[in-house]
Amino acid sequence: MSNENKAAKKRKTRDMESQLEEINHSFQMFVQGFNANFGTMANVVANAMTDDNNHKKAKCEQLKDSLEELAKLDITSGDVLHAAEIFVANKDKLELFMNLSEKVRVSYVLELTSLSSGN
């Protein structure tokens, strides 16, 4: 092989090595950017799941509290269950119930249960 061919082959090899280094560098930069974004996305998803779980727990606690409050009232167990079903279906009615005095709660529940049963 002539010296020219050897020199040309060395240049091609260096050019290929240089291109491979550029590709490797670009790939490393991509991976670093991806990792940073992936971490952010993972945190957003984790926070959303935590918020959703906390929201569900709060709703369960509120329903539990309303059941305890319903049980304290001087009404039938059928009315308690009927009111609980109404509260599960309509959170606004649950909120209103929880903010009423005990005396008004009885009237409210009796009215709710009679209205929904068609009486």
PDB file of N, CA and C in Angstrom:
ATOM      1  N   MET A   1       0.843  -1.177   0.000  1.00  0.00           N
ATOM      2  CA  MET A   1       0.000   0.000   0.000  1.00  0.00           C
ATOM      3  C   MET A   1       0.888   1.240   0.000  1.00  0.00           C
ATOM      4  N   SER A   2       0.456   2.208  -0.758  1.00  0.00           N
ATOM      5  CA  SER A   2       1.260   3.422  -0.848  1.00  0.00           C
ATOM      6  C   SER A   2       1.014   4.301   0.370  1.00  0.00           C
ATOM      7  N   ASN A   3       1.934   5.230   0.551  1.00  0.00           N
ATOM      8  CA  ASN A   3       1.811   6.153   1.682  1.00  0.00           C
ATOM      9  C   ASN A   3       0.560   7.017   1.575  1.00  0.00           C
ATOM     10  N   GLU A   4       0.192   7.346   0.323  1.00  0.00           N
ATOM     11  CA  GLU A   4      -1.012   8.155   0.120  1.00  0.00           C
ATOM     12  C   GLU A   4      -2.259   7.389   0.560  1.00  0.00           C
ATOM     13  N   ASN A   5      -2.311   6.133   0.199  1.00  0.00           N
ATOM     14  CA  ASN A   5      -3.464   5.309   0.597  1.00  0.00           C
ATOM     15  C   ASN A   5      -3.538   5.159   2.107  1.00  0.00           C
ATOM     16  N   LYS A   6      -2.393   4.982   2.745  1.00  0.00           N
ATOM     17  CA  LYS A   6      -2.355   4.851   4.203  1.00  0.00           C
ATOM     18  C   LYS A   6      -2.819   6.142   4.872  1.00  0.00           C
ATOM     19  N   ALA A   7      -2.354   7.278   4.332  1.00  0.00           N
ATOM     20  CA  ALA A   7      -2.733   8.574   4.889  1.00  0.00           C
ATOM     21  C   ALA A   7      -4.232   8.813   4.695  1.00  0.00           C
ATOM     22  N   ALA A   8      -4.760   8.467   3.526  1.00  0.00           N
ATOM     23  CA  ALA A   8      -6.197   8.637   3.248  1.00  0.00           C
ATOM     24  C   ALA A   8      -7.021   7.755   4.190  1.00  0.00           C
ATOM     25  N   LYS A   9      -6.547   6.550   4.404  1.00  0.00           N
ATOM     26  CA  LYS A   9      -7.251   5.621   5.296  1.00  0.00           C
ATOM     27  C   LYS A   9      -7.242   6.154   6.724  1.00  0.00           C
ATOM     28  N   LYS A  10      -6.125   6.731   7.174  1.00  0.00           N
ATOM     29  CA  LYS A  10      -6.021   7.307   8.517  1.00  0.00           C
ATOM     30  C   LYS A  10      -6.982   8.487   8.662  1.00  0.00           C
ATOM     31  N   ARG A  11      -7.071   9.342   7.607  1.00  0.00           N
ATOM     32  CA  ARG A  11      -7.986  10.484   7.641  1.00  0.00           C
ATOM     33  C   ARG A  11      -9.438  10.006   7.740  1.00  0.00           C
ATOM     34  N   LYS A  12      -9.782   8.985   6.948  1.00  0.00           N
ATOM     35  CA  LYS A  12     -11.142   8.439   6.991  1.00  0.00           C
ATOM     36  C   LYS A  12     -11.442   7.903   8.381  1.00  0.00           C
ATOM     37  N   THR A  13     -10.503   7.212   8.969  1.00  0.00           N
ATOM     38  CA  THR A  13     -10.674   6.652  10.302  1.00  0.00           C
ATOM     39  C   THR A  13     -10.872   7.771  11.322  1.00  0.00           C
ATOM     40  N   ARG A  14     -10.059   8.830  11.226  1.00  0.00           N
ATOM     41  CA  ARG A  14     -10.194   9.972  12.141  1.00  0.00           C
ATOM     42  C   ARG A  14     -11.533  10.673  11.936  1.00  0.00           C
ATOM     43  N   ASP A  15     -11.924  10.832  10.661  1.00  0.00           N
ATOM     44  CA  ASP A  15     -13.211  11.467  10.386  1.00  0.00           C
ATOM     45  C   ASP A  15     -14.362  10.641  10.986  1.00  0.00           C
ATOM     46  N   MET A  16     -14.299   9.334  10.834  1.00  0.00           N
ATOM     47  CA  MET A  16     -15.335   8.466  11.389  1.00  0.00           C
ATOM     48  C   MET A  16     -15.330   8.528  12.920  1.00  0.00           C
ATOM     49  N   GLU A  17     -14.143   8.530  13.495  1.00  0.00           N
ATOM     50  CA  GLU A  17     -14.044   8.637  14.949  1.00  0.00           C
ATOM     51  C   GLU A  17     -14.614   9.968  15.432  1.00  0.00           C
ATOM     52  N   SER A  18     -14.333  11.026  14.699  1.00  0.00           N
ATOM     53  CA  SER A  18     -14.842  12.348  15.055  1.00  0.00           C
ATOM     54  C   SER A  18     -16.360  12.371  14.964  1.00  0.00           C
ATOM     55  N   GLN A  19     -16.899  11.799  13.908  1.00  0.00           N
ATOM     56  CA  GLN A  19     -18.354  11.740  13.753  1.00  0.00           C
ATOM     57  C   GLN A  19     -18.985  10.902  14.870  1.00  0.00           C
ATOM     58  N   LEU A  20     -18.359   9.786  15.202  1.00  0.00           N
ATOM     59  CA  LEU A  20     -18.864   8.942  16.287  1.00  0.00           C
ATOM     60  C   LEU A  20     -18.830   9.675  17.623  1.00  0.00           C
ATOM     61  N   GLU A  21     -17.783  10.457  17.861  1.00  0.00           N
ATOM     62  CA  GLU A  21     -17.701  11.247  19.085  1.00  0.00           C
ATOM     63  C   GLU A  21     -18.815  12.287  19.139  1.00  0.00           C
ATOM     64  N   GLU A  22     -19.111  12.924  17.991  1.00  0.00           N
ATOM     65  CA  GLU A  22     -20.193  13.908  17.929  1.00  0.00           C
ATOM     66  C   GLU A  22     -21.541  13.238  18.194  1.00  0.00           C
ATOM     67  N   ILE A  23     -21.732  12.072  17.583  1.00  0.00           N
ATOM     68  CA  ILE A  23     -22.988  11.331  17.809  1.00  0.00           C
ATOM     69  C   ILE A  23     -23.104  10.935  19.278  1.00  0.00           C
ATOM     70  N   ASN A  24     -22.014  10.447  19.829  1.00  0.00           N
ATOM     71  CA  ASN A  24     -22.005  10.053  21.237  1.00  0.00           C
ATOM     72  C   ASN A  24     -22.312  11.247  22.127  1.00  0.00           C
ATOM     73  N   HIS A  25     -21.707  12.388  21.850  1.00  0.00           N
ATOM     74  CA  HIS A  25     -21.951  13.604  22.636  1.00  0.00           C
ATOM     75  C   HIS A  25     -23.418  14.029  22.517  1.00  0.00           C
ATOM     76  N   SER A  26     -23.942  14.025  21.297  1.00  0.00           N
ATOM     77  CA  SER A  26     -25.352  14.393  21.088  1.00  0.00           C
ATOM     78  C   SER A  26     -26.273  13.446  21.842  1.00  0.00           C
ATOM     79  N   PHE A  27     -25.965  12.170  21.777  1.00  0.00           N
ATOM     80  CA  PHE A  27     -26.787  11.181  22.477  1.00  0.00           C
ATOM     81  C   PHE A  27     -26.740  11.389  23.991  1.00  0.00           C
ATOM     82  N   GLN A  28     -25.555  11.666  24.511  1.00  0.00           N
ATOM     83  CA  GLN A  28     -25.427  11.921  25.948  1.00  0.00           C
ATOM     84  C   GLN A  28     -26.225  13.157  26.361  1.00  0.00           C
ATOM     85  N   MET A  29     -26.191  14.195  25.544  1.00  0.00           N
ATOM     86  CA  MET A  29     -26.962  15.403  25.840  1.00  0.00           C
ATOM     87  C   MET A  29     -28.468  15.093  25.815  1.00  0.00           C
ATOM     88  N   PHE A  30     -28.893  14.290  24.843  1.00  0.00           N
ATOM     89  CA  PHE A  30     -30.297  13.887  24.761  1.00  0.00           C
ATOM     90  C   PHE A  30     -30.715  13.127  26.021  1.00  0.00           C
ATOM     91  N   VAL A  31     -29.888  12.174  26.429  1.00  0.00           N
ATOM     92  CA  VAL A  31     -30.202  11.365  27.608  1.00  0.00           C
ATOM     93  C   VAL A  31     -30.267  12.243  28.861  1.00  0.00           C
ATOM     94  N   GLN A  32     -29.349  13.182  28.997  1.00  0.00           N
ATOM     95  CA  GLN A  32     -29.373  14.079  30.157  1.00  0.00           C
ATOM     96  C   GLN A  32     -30.652  14.911  30.168  1.00  0.00           C
ATOM     97  N   GLY A  33     -31.027  15.450  29.015  1.00  0.00           N
ATOM     98  CA  GLY A  33     -32.270  16.222  28.922  1.00  0.00           C
ATOM     99  C   GLY A  33     -33.488  15.366  29.201  1.00  0.00           C
ATOM    100  N   PHE A  34     -33.480  14.160  28.660  1.00  0.00           N
ATOM    101  CA  PHE A  34     -34.590  13.241  28.890  1.00  0.00           C
ATOM    102  C   PHE A  34     -34.705  12.904  30.371  1.00  0.00           C
ATOM    103  N   ASN A  35     -33.585  12.610  30.997  1.00  0.00           N
ATOM    104  CA  ASN A  35     -33.609  12.275  32.425  1.00  0.00           C
ATOM    105  C   ASN A  35     -34.168  13.425  33.256  1.00  0.00           C
ATOM    106  N   ALA A  36     -33.759  14.636  32.937  1.00  0.00           N
ATOM    107  CA  ALA A  36     -34.261  15.795  33.686  1.00  0.00           C
ATOM    108  C   ALA A  36     -35.764  15.943  33.489  1.00  0.00           C
ATOM    109  N   ASN A  37     -36.231  15.825  32.247  1.00  0.00           N
ATOM    110  CA  ASN A  37     -37.662  15.943  31.973  1.00  0.00           C
ATOM    111  C   ASN A  37     -38.442  14.770  32.543  1.00  0.00           C
ATOM    112  N   PHE A  38     -37.873  13.584  32.460  1.00  0.00           N
ATOM    113  CA  PHE A  38     -38.552  12.406  32.993  1.00  0.00           C
ATOM    114  C   PHE A  38     -38.732  12.533  34.502  1.00  0.00           C
ATOM    115  N   GLY A  39     -37.726  13.043  35.182  1.00  0.00           N
ATOM    116  CA  GLY A  39     -37.838  13.248  36.627  1.00  0.00           C
ATOM    117  C   GLY A  39     -38.950  14.225  36.955  1.00  0.00           C
ATOM    118  N   THR A  40     -39.053  15.290  36.182  1.00  0.00           N
ATOM    119  CA  THR A  40     -40.108  16.279  36.387  1.00  0.00           C
ATOM    120  C   THR A  40     -41.479  15.656  36.146  1.00  0.00           C
ATOM    121  N   MET A  41     -41.599  14.904  35.054  1.00  0.00           N
ATOM    122  CA  MET A  41     -42.876  14.249  34.749  1.00  0.00           C
ATOM    123  C   MET A  41     -43.248  13.249  35.846  1.00  0.00           C
ATOM    124  N   ALA A  42     -42.276  12.500  36.311  1.00  0.00           N
ATOM    125  CA  ALA A  42     -42.539  11.520  37.368  1.00  0.00           C
ATOM    126  C   ALA A  42     -43.021  12.221  38.635  1.00  0.00           C
ATOM    127  N   ASN A  43     -42.421  13.354  38.964  1.00  0.00           N
ATOM    128  CA  ASN A  43     -42.852  14.114  40.147  1.00  0.00           C
ATOM    129  C   ASN A  43     -44.267  14.641  39.988  1.00  0.00           C
ATOM    130  N   VAL A  44     -44.601  15.126  38.801  1.00  0.00           N
ATOM    131  CA  VAL A  44     -45.953  15.635  38.553  1.00  0.00           C
ATOM    132  C   VAL A  44     -46.979  14.515  38.711  1.00  0.00           C
ATOM    133  N   VAL A  45     -46.687  13.359  38.130  1.00  0.00           N
ATOM    134  CA  VAL A  45     -47.605  12.217  38.236  1.00  0.00           C
ATOM    135  C   VAL A  45     -47.729  11.765  39.691  1.00  0.00           C
ATOM    136  N   ALA A  46     -46.618  11.679  40.396  1.00  0.00           N
ATOM    137  CA  ALA A  46     -46.646  11.256  41.797  1.00  0.00           C
ATOM    138  C   ALA A  46     -47.449  12.238  42.645  1.00  0.00           C
ATOM    139  N   ASN A  47     -47.258  13.540  42.407  1.00  0.00           N
ATOM    140  CA  ASN A  47     -48.017  14.545  43.160  1.00  0.00           C
ATOM    141  C   ASN A  47     -49.502  14.468  42.852  1.00  0.00           C
ATOM    142  N   ALA A  48     -49.835  14.242  41.590  1.00  0.00           N
ATOM    143  CA  ALA A  48     -51.248  14.126  41.209  1.00  0.00           C
ATOM    144  C   ALA A  48     -51.882  12.914  41.881  1.00  0.00           C
ATOM    145  N   MET A  49     -51.151  11.820  41.935  1.00  0.00           N
ATOM    146  CA  MET A  49     -51.675  10.611  42.583  1.00  0.00           C
ATOM    147  C   MET A  49     -51.851  10.849  44.079  1.00  0.00           C
ATOM    148  N   THR A  50     -50.903  11.526  44.701  1.00  0.00           N
ATOM    149  CA  THR A  50     -50.995  11.828  46.125  1.00  0.00           C
ATOM    150  C   THR A  50     -52.181  12.740  46.397  1.00  0.00           C
ATOM    151  N   ASP A  51     -52.339  13.779  45.559  1.00  0.00           N
ATOM    152  CA  ASP A  51     -53.473  14.690  45.720  1.00  0.00           C
ATOM    153  C   ASP A  51     -54.788  13.954  45.567  1.00  0.00           C
ATOM    154  N   ASP A  52     -54.863  13.051  44.591  1.00  0.00           N
ATOM    155  CA  ASP A  52     -56.085  12.279  44.364  1.00  0.00           C
ATOM    156  C   ASP A  52     -56.374  11.374  45.556  1.00  0.00           C
ATOM    157  N   ASN A  53     -55.340  10.721  46.069  1.00  0.00           N
ATOM    158  CA  ASN A  53     -55.524   9.853  47.245  1.00  0.00           C
ATOM    159  C   ASN A  53     -55.965  10.655  48.459  1.00  0.00           C
ATOM    160  N   ASN A  54     -55.359  11.818  48.659  1.00  0.00           N
ATOM    161  CA  ASN A  54     -55.742  12.677  49.787  1.00  0.00           C
ATOM    162  C   ASN A  54     -57.181  13.148  49.637  1.00  0.00           C
ATOM    163  N   HIS A  55     -57.570  13.473  48.411  1.00  0.00           N
ATOM    164  CA  HIS A  55     -58.940  13.924  48.140  1.00  0.00           C
ATOM    165  C   HIS A  55     -59.927  12.792  48.449  1.00  0.00           C
ATOM    166  N   LYS A  56     -59.592  11.575  48.012  1.00  0.00           N
ATOM    167  CA  LYS A  56     -60.468  10.423  48.275  1.00  0.00           C
ATOM    168  C   LYS A  56     -60.573  10.151  49.770  1.00  0.00           C
ATOM    169  N   LYS A  57     -59.453  10.230  50.470  1.00  0.00           N
ATOM    170  CA  LYS A  57     -59.465  10.018  51.918  1.00  0.00           C
ATOM    171  C   LYS A  57     -60.321  11.062  52.619  1.00  0.00           C
ATOM    172  N   ALA A  58     -60.204  12.311  52.194  1.00  0.00           N
ATOM    173  CA  ALA A  58     -60.998  13.386  52.794  1.00  0.00           C
ATOM    174  C   ALA A  58     -62.484  13.150  52.563  1.00  0.00           C
ATOM    175  N   LYS A  59     -62.842  12.713  51.364  1.00  0.00           N
ATOM    176  CA  LYS A  59     -64.251  12.439  51.058  1.00  0.00           C
ATOM    177  C   LYS A  59     -64.764  11.272  51.898  1.00  0.00           C
ATOM    178  N   CYS A  60     -63.956  10.246  52.072  1.00  0.00           N
ATOM    179  CA  CYS A  60     -64.355   9.099  52.907  1.00  0.00           C
ATOM    180  C   CYS A  60     -64.548   9.537  54.356  1.00  0.00           C
ATOM    181  N   GLU A  61     -63.633  10.362  54.838  1.00  0.00           N
ATOM    182  CA  GLU A  61     -63.750  10.868  56.206  1.00  0.00           C
ATOM    183  C   GLU A  61     -65.009  11.706  56.370  1.00  0.00           C
ATOM    184  N   GLN A  62     -65.298  12.526  55.365  1.00  0.00           N
ATOM    185  CA  GLN A  62     -66.488  13.375  55.431  1.00  0.00           C
ATOM    186  C   GLN A  62     -67.748  12.515  55.438  1.00  0.00           C
ATOM    187  N   LEU A  63     -67.776  11.480  54.621  1.00  0.00           N
ATOM    188  CA  LEU A  63     -68.943  10.590  54.590  1.00  0.00           C
ATOM    189  C   LEU A  63     -69.067   9.846  55.917  1.00  0.00           C
ATOM    190  N   LYS A  64     -67.946   9.397  56.445  1.00  0.00           N
ATOM    191  CA  LYS A  64     -67.954   8.715  57.743  1.00  0.00           C
ATOM    192  C   LYS A  64     -68.501   9.644  58.828  1.00  0.00           C
ATOM    193  N   ASP A  65     -68.035  10.879  58.819  1.00  0.00           N
ATOM    194  CA  ASP A  65     -68.521  11.863  59.792  1.00  0.00           C
ATOM    195  C   ASP A  65     -70.021  12.100  59.633  1.00  0.00           C
ATOM    196  N   SER A  66     -70.481  12.163  58.390  1.00  0.00           N
ATOM    197  CA  SER A  66     -71.915  12.400  58.173  1.00  0.00           C
ATOM    198  C   SER A  66     -72.736  11.211  58.650  1.00  0.00           C
ATOM    199  N   LEU A  67     -72.223  10.006  58.478  1.00  0.00           N
ATOM    200  CA  LEU A  67     -72.939   8.822  58.973  1.00  0.00           C
ATOM    201  C   LEU A  67     -73.039   8.846  60.498  1.00  0.00           C
ATOM    202  N   GLU A  68     -71.963   9.264  61.143  1.00  0.00           N
ATOM    203  CA  GLU A  68     -71.990   9.395  62.601  1.00  0.00           C
ATOM    204  C   GLU A  68     -73.017  10.439  63.031  1.00  0.00           C
ATOM    205  N   GLU A  69     -73.051  11.550  62.298  1.00  0.00           N
ATOM    206  CA  GLU A  69     -74.013  12.612  62.615  1.00  0.00           C
ATOM    207  C   GLU A  69     -75.446  12.162  62.341  1.00  0.00           C
ATOM    208  N   LEU A  70     -75.665  11.421  61.273  1.00  0.00           N
ATOM    209  CA  LEU A  70     -77.000  10.903  60.967  1.00  0.00           C
ATOM    210  C   LEU A  70     -77.467   9.942  62.065  1.00  0.00           C
ATOM    211  N   ALA A  71     -76.552   9.122  62.553  1.00  0.00           N
ATOM    212  CA  ALA A  71     -76.905   8.143  63.588  1.00  0.00           C
ATOM    213  C   ALA A  71     -77.313   8.834  64.889  1.00  0.00           C
ATOM    214  N   LYS A  72     -76.829  10.033  65.121  1.00  0.00           N
ATOM    215  CA  LYS A  72     -77.168  10.777  66.343  1.00  0.00           C
ATOM    216  C   LYS A  72     -78.593  11.337  66.301  1.00  0.00           C
ATOM    217  N   LEU A  73     -79.143  11.466  65.095  1.00  0.00           N
ATOM    218  CA  LEU A  73     -80.455  12.106  64.950  1.00  0.00           C
ATOM    219  C   LEU A  73     -81.581  11.156  65.361  1.00  0.00           C
ATOM    220  N   ASP A  74     -82.678  11.750  65.750  1.00  0.00           N
ATOM    221  CA  ASP A  74     -83.863  10.974  66.151  1.00  0.00           C
ATOM    222  C   ASP A  74     -84.688  10.665  64.897  1.00  0.00           C
ATOM    223  N   ILE A  75     -84.123   9.783  64.042  1.00  0.00           N
ATOM    224  CA  ILE A  75     -84.811   9.359  62.825  1.00  0.00           C
ATOM    225  C   ILE A  75     -84.636   7.857  62.670  1.00  0.00           C
ATOM    226  N   THR A  76     -85.441   7.257  61.792  1.00  0.00           N
ATOM    227  CA  THR A  76     -85.377   5.801  61.613  1.00  0.00           C
ATOM    228  C   THR A  76     -84.079   5.402  60.911  1.00  0.00           C
ATOM    229  N   SER A  77     -83.692   4.152  61.094  1.00  0.00           N
ATOM    230  CA  SER A  77     -82.489   3.660  60.421  1.00  0.00           C
ATOM    231  C   SER A  77     -82.684   3.666  58.909  1.00  0.00           C
ATOM    232  N   GLY A  78     -83.910   3.477  58.453  1.00  0.00           N
ATOM    233  CA  GLY A  78     -84.194   3.561  57.022  1.00  0.00           C
ATOM    234  C   GLY A  78     -83.922   4.962  56.492  1.00  0.00           C
ATOM    235  N   ASP A  79     -84.320   5.971  57.254  1.00  0.00           N
ATOM    236  CA  ASP A  79     -84.048   7.355  56.848  1.00  0.00           C
ATOM    237  C   ASP A  79     -82.547   7.659  56.871  1.00  0.00           C
ATOM    238  N   VAL A  80     -81.846   7.074  57.835  1.00  0.00           N
ATOM    239  CA  VAL A  80     -80.389   7.251  57.900  1.00  0.00           C
ATOM    240  C   VAL A  80     -79.756   6.703  56.629  1.00  0.00           C
ATOM    241  N   LEU A  81     -80.121   5.479  56.255  1.00  0.00           N
ATOM    242  CA  LEU A  81     -79.554   4.858  55.057  1.00  0.00           C
ATOM    243  C   LEU A  81     -79.949   5.615  53.792  1.00  0.00           C
ATOM    244  N   HIS A  82     -81.200   6.028  53.743  1.00  0.00           N
ATOM    245  CA  HIS A  82     -81.678   6.773  52.575  1.00  0.00           C
ATOM    246  C   HIS A  82     -80.915   8.095  52.444  1.00  0.00           C
ATOM    247  N   ALA A  83     -80.752   8.806  53.540  1.00  0.00           N
ATOM    248  CA  ALA A  83     -80.010  10.071  53.517  1.00  0.00           C
ATOM    249  C   ALA A  83     -78.548   9.829  53.118  1.00  0.00           C
ATOM    250  N   ALA A  84     -77.957   8.761  53.622  1.00  0.00           N
ATOM    251  CA  ALA A  84     -76.565   8.445  53.275  1.00  0.00           C
ATOM    252  C   ALA A  84     -76.428   8.225  51.767  1.00  0.00           C
ATOM    253  N   GLU A  85     -77.381   7.513  51.173  1.00  0.00           N
ATOM    254  CA  GLU A  85     -77.354   7.301  49.720  1.00  0.00           C
ATOM    255  C   GLU A  85     -77.474   8.623  48.970  1.00  0.00           C
ATOM    256  N   ILE A  86     -78.323   9.503  49.457  1.00  0.00           N
ATOM    257  CA  ILE A  86     -78.478  10.826  48.837  1.00  0.00           C
ATOM    258  C   ILE A  86     -77.172  11.608  48.937  1.00  0.00           C
ATOM    259  N   PHE A  87     -76.533  11.546  50.102  1.00  0.00           N
ATOM    260  CA  PHE A  87     -75.281  12.283  50.304  1.00  0.00           C
ATOM    261  C   PHE A  87     -74.155  11.748  49.414  1.00  0.00           C
ATOM    262  N   VAL A  88     -74.109  10.432  49.219  1.00  0.00           N
ATOM    263  CA  VAL A  88     -73.090   9.856  48.342  1.00  0.00           C
ATOM    264  C   VAL A  88     -73.289  10.355  46.914  1.00  0.00           C
ATOM    265  N   ALA A  89     -74.546  10.473  46.498  1.00  0.00           N
ATOM    266  CA  ALA A  89     -74.854  10.905  45.134  1.00  0.00           C
ATOM    267  C   ALA A  89     -74.733  12.416  44.952  1.00  0.00           C
ATOM    268  N   ASN A  90     -74.884  13.175  46.050  1.00  0.00           N
ATOM    269  CA  ASN A  90     -74.895  14.633  45.911  1.00  0.00           C
ATOM    270  C   ASN A  90     -74.071  15.260  47.032  1.00  0.00           C
ATOM    271  N   LYS A  91     -72.839  15.603  46.696  1.00  0.00           N
ATOM    272  CA  LYS A  91     -71.899  16.154  47.692  1.00  0.00           C
ATOM    273  C   LYS A  91     -72.351  17.512  48.221  1.00  0.00           C
ATOM    274  N   ASP A  92     -73.093  18.288  47.419  1.00  0.00           N
ATOM    275  CA  ASP A  92     -73.581  19.588  47.890  1.00  0.00           C
ATOM    276  C   ASP A  92     -74.570  19.408  49.042  1.00  0.00           C
ATOM    277  N   LYS A  93     -75.406  18.386  48.938  1.00  0.00           N
ATOM    278  CA  LYS A  93     -76.374  18.126  50.014  1.00  0.00           C
ATOM    279  C   LYS A  93     -75.655  17.658  51.281  1.00  0.00           C
ATOM    280  N   LEU A  94     -74.598  16.905  51.091  1.00  0.00           N
ATOM    281  CA  LEU A  94     -73.783  16.475  52.235  1.00  0.00           C
ATOM    282  C   LEU A  94     -73.150  17.688  52.913  1.00  0.00           C
ATOM    283  N   GLU A  95     -72.587  18.586  52.115  1.00  0.00           N
ATOM    284  CA  GLU A  95     -71.965  19.803  52.663  1.00  0.00           C
ATOM    285  C   GLU A  95     -72.988  20.627  53.448  1.00  0.00           C
ATOM    286  N   LEU A  96     -74.175  20.787  52.875  1.00  0.00           N
ATOM    287  CA  LEU A  96     -75.214  21.554  53.553  1.00  0.00           C
ATOM    288  C   LEU A  96     -75.594  20.889  54.872  1.00  0.00           C
ATOM    289  N   PHE A  97     -75.806  19.577  54.837  1.00  0.00           N
ATOM    290  CA  PHE A  97     -76.163  18.837  56.047  1.00  0.00           C
ATOM    291  C   PHE A  97     -75.133  19.045  57.153  1.00  0.00           C
ATOM    292  N   MET A  98     -73.857  18.927  56.795  1.00  0.00           N
ATOM    293  CA  MET A  98     -72.790  19.022  57.796  1.00  0.00           C
ATOM    294  C   MET A  98     -72.680  20.419  58.399  1.00  0.00           C
ATOM    295  N   ASN A  99     -73.251  21.412  57.748  1.00  0.00           N
ATOM    296  CA  ASN A  99     -73.175  22.781  58.258  1.00  0.00           C
ATOM    297  C   ASN A  99     -74.456  23.241  58.952  1.00  0.00           C
ATOM    298  N   LEU A 100     -75.417  22.344  59.081  1.00  0.00           N
ATOM    299  CA  LEU A 100     -76.670  22.690  59.751  1.00  0.00           C
ATOM    300  C   LEU A 100     -76.604  22.328  61.231  1.00  0.00           C
ATOM    301  N   SER A 101     -77.432  22.995  62.034  1.00  0.00           N
ATOM    302  CA  SER A 101     -77.548  22.620  63.451  1.00  0.00           C
ATOM    303  C   SER A 101     -78.297  21.291  63.533  1.00  0.00           C
ATOM    304  N   GLU A 102     -78.177  20.605  64.680  1.00  0.00           N
ATOM    305  CA  GLU A 102     -78.804  19.292  64.824  1.00  0.00           C
ATOM    306  C   GLU A 102     -80.319  19.362  64.633  1.00  0.00           C
ATOM    307  N   LYS A 103     -80.940  20.385  65.173  1.00  0.00           N
ATOM    308  CA  LYS A 103     -82.396  20.519  65.050  1.00  0.00           C
ATOM    309  C   LYS A 103     -82.809  20.656  63.583  1.00  0.00           C
ATOM    310  N   VAL A 104     -82.083  21.457  62.841  1.00  0.00           N
ATOM    311  CA  VAL A 104     -82.403  21.668  61.430  1.00  0.00           C
ATOM    312  C   VAL A 104     -82.023  20.435  60.604  1.00  0.00           C
ATOM    313  N   ARG A 105     -81.011  19.707  61.028  1.00  0.00           N
ATOM    314  CA  ARG A 105     -80.599  18.496  60.317  1.00  0.00           C
ATOM    315  C   ARG A 105     -81.738  17.487  60.232  1.00  0.00           C
ATOM    316  N   VAL A 106     -82.459  17.315  61.330  1.00  0.00           N
ATOM    317  CA  VAL A 106     -83.571  16.352  61.333  1.00  0.00           C
ATOM    318  C   VAL A 106     -84.588  16.743  60.265  1.00  0.00           C
ATOM    319  N   SER A 107     -84.994  17.979  60.251  1.00  0.00           N
ATOM    320  CA  SER A 107     -85.968  18.448  59.257  1.00  0.00           C
ATOM    321  C   SER A 107     -85.420  18.272  57.839  1.00  0.00           C
ATOM    322  N   TYR A 108     -84.170  18.618  57.671  1.00  0.00           N
ATOM    323  CA  TYR A 108     -83.558  18.517  56.344  1.00  0.00           C
ATOM    324  C   TYR A 108     -83.542  17.077  55.850  1.00  0.00           C
ATOM    325  N   VAL A 109     -83.119  16.152  56.699  1.00  0.00           N
ATOM    326  CA  VAL A 109     -83.053  14.741  56.300  1.00  0.00           C
ATOM    327  C   VAL A 109     -84.448  14.209  56.008  1.00  0.00           C
ATOM    328  N   LEU A 110     -85.403  14.537  56.864  1.00  0.00           N
ATOM    329  CA  LEU A 110     -86.769  14.062  56.635  1.00  0.00           C
ATOM    330  C   LEU A 110     -87.315  14.619  55.318  1.00  0.00           C
ATOM    331  N   GLU A 111     -87.016  15.857  55.034  1.00  0.00           N
ATOM    332  CA  GLU A 111     -87.466  16.453  53.771  1.00  0.00           C
ATOM    333  C   GLU A 111     -86.767  15.780  52.591  1.00  0.00           C
ATOM    334  N   LEU A 112     -85.472  15.577  52.693  1.00  0.00           N
ATOM    335  CA  LEU A 112     -84.717  14.915  51.614  1.00  0.00           C
ATOM    336  C   LEU A 112     -85.254  13.534  51.328  1.00  0.00           C
ATOM    337  N   THR A 113     -85.444  12.768  52.382  1.00  0.00           N
ATOM    338  CA  THR A 113     -85.866  11.370  52.188  1.00  0.00           C
ATOM    339  C   THR A 113     -87.289  11.303  51.652  1.00  0.00           C
ATOM    340  N   SER A 114     -88.162  12.218  52.086  1.00  0.00           N
ATOM    341  CA  SER A 114     -89.555  12.184  51.572  1.00  0.00           C
ATOM    342  C   SER A 114     -89.604  12.670  50.120  1.00  0.00           C
ATOM    343  N   LEU A 115     -88.755  13.649  49.778  1.00  0.00           N
ATOM    344  CA  LEU A 115     -88.725  14.144  48.404  1.00  0.00           C
ATOM    345  C   LEU A 115     -88.212  13.090  47.430  1.00  0.00           C
ATOM    346  N   SER A 116     -87.180  12.384  47.824  1.00  0.00           N
ATOM    347  CA  SER A 116     -86.598  11.416  46.899  1.00  0.00           C
ATOM    348  C   SER A 116     -87.405  10.136  46.789  1.00  0.00           C
ATOM    349  N   SER A 117     -88.264   9.871  47.788  1.00  0.00           N
ATOM    350  CA  SER A 117     -89.080   8.668  47.693  1.00  0.00           C
ATOM    351  C   SER A 117     -90.434   8.979  47.035  1.00  0.00           C
ATOM    352  N   GLY A 118     -90.661  10.242  46.701  1.00  0.00           N
ATOM    353  CA  GLY A 118     -91.852  10.628  45.995  1.00  0.00           C
ATOM    354  C   GLY A 118     -93.045  10.873  46.858  1.00  0.00           C
ATOM    355  N   ASN A 119     -92.873  10.977  48.155  1.00  0.00           N
ATOM    356  CA  ASN A 119     -94.002  11.217  49.077  1.00  0.00           C
ATOM    357  C   ASN A 119     -94.344  12.687  49.136  1.00  0.00           C
TER     358      ASN A 119
END
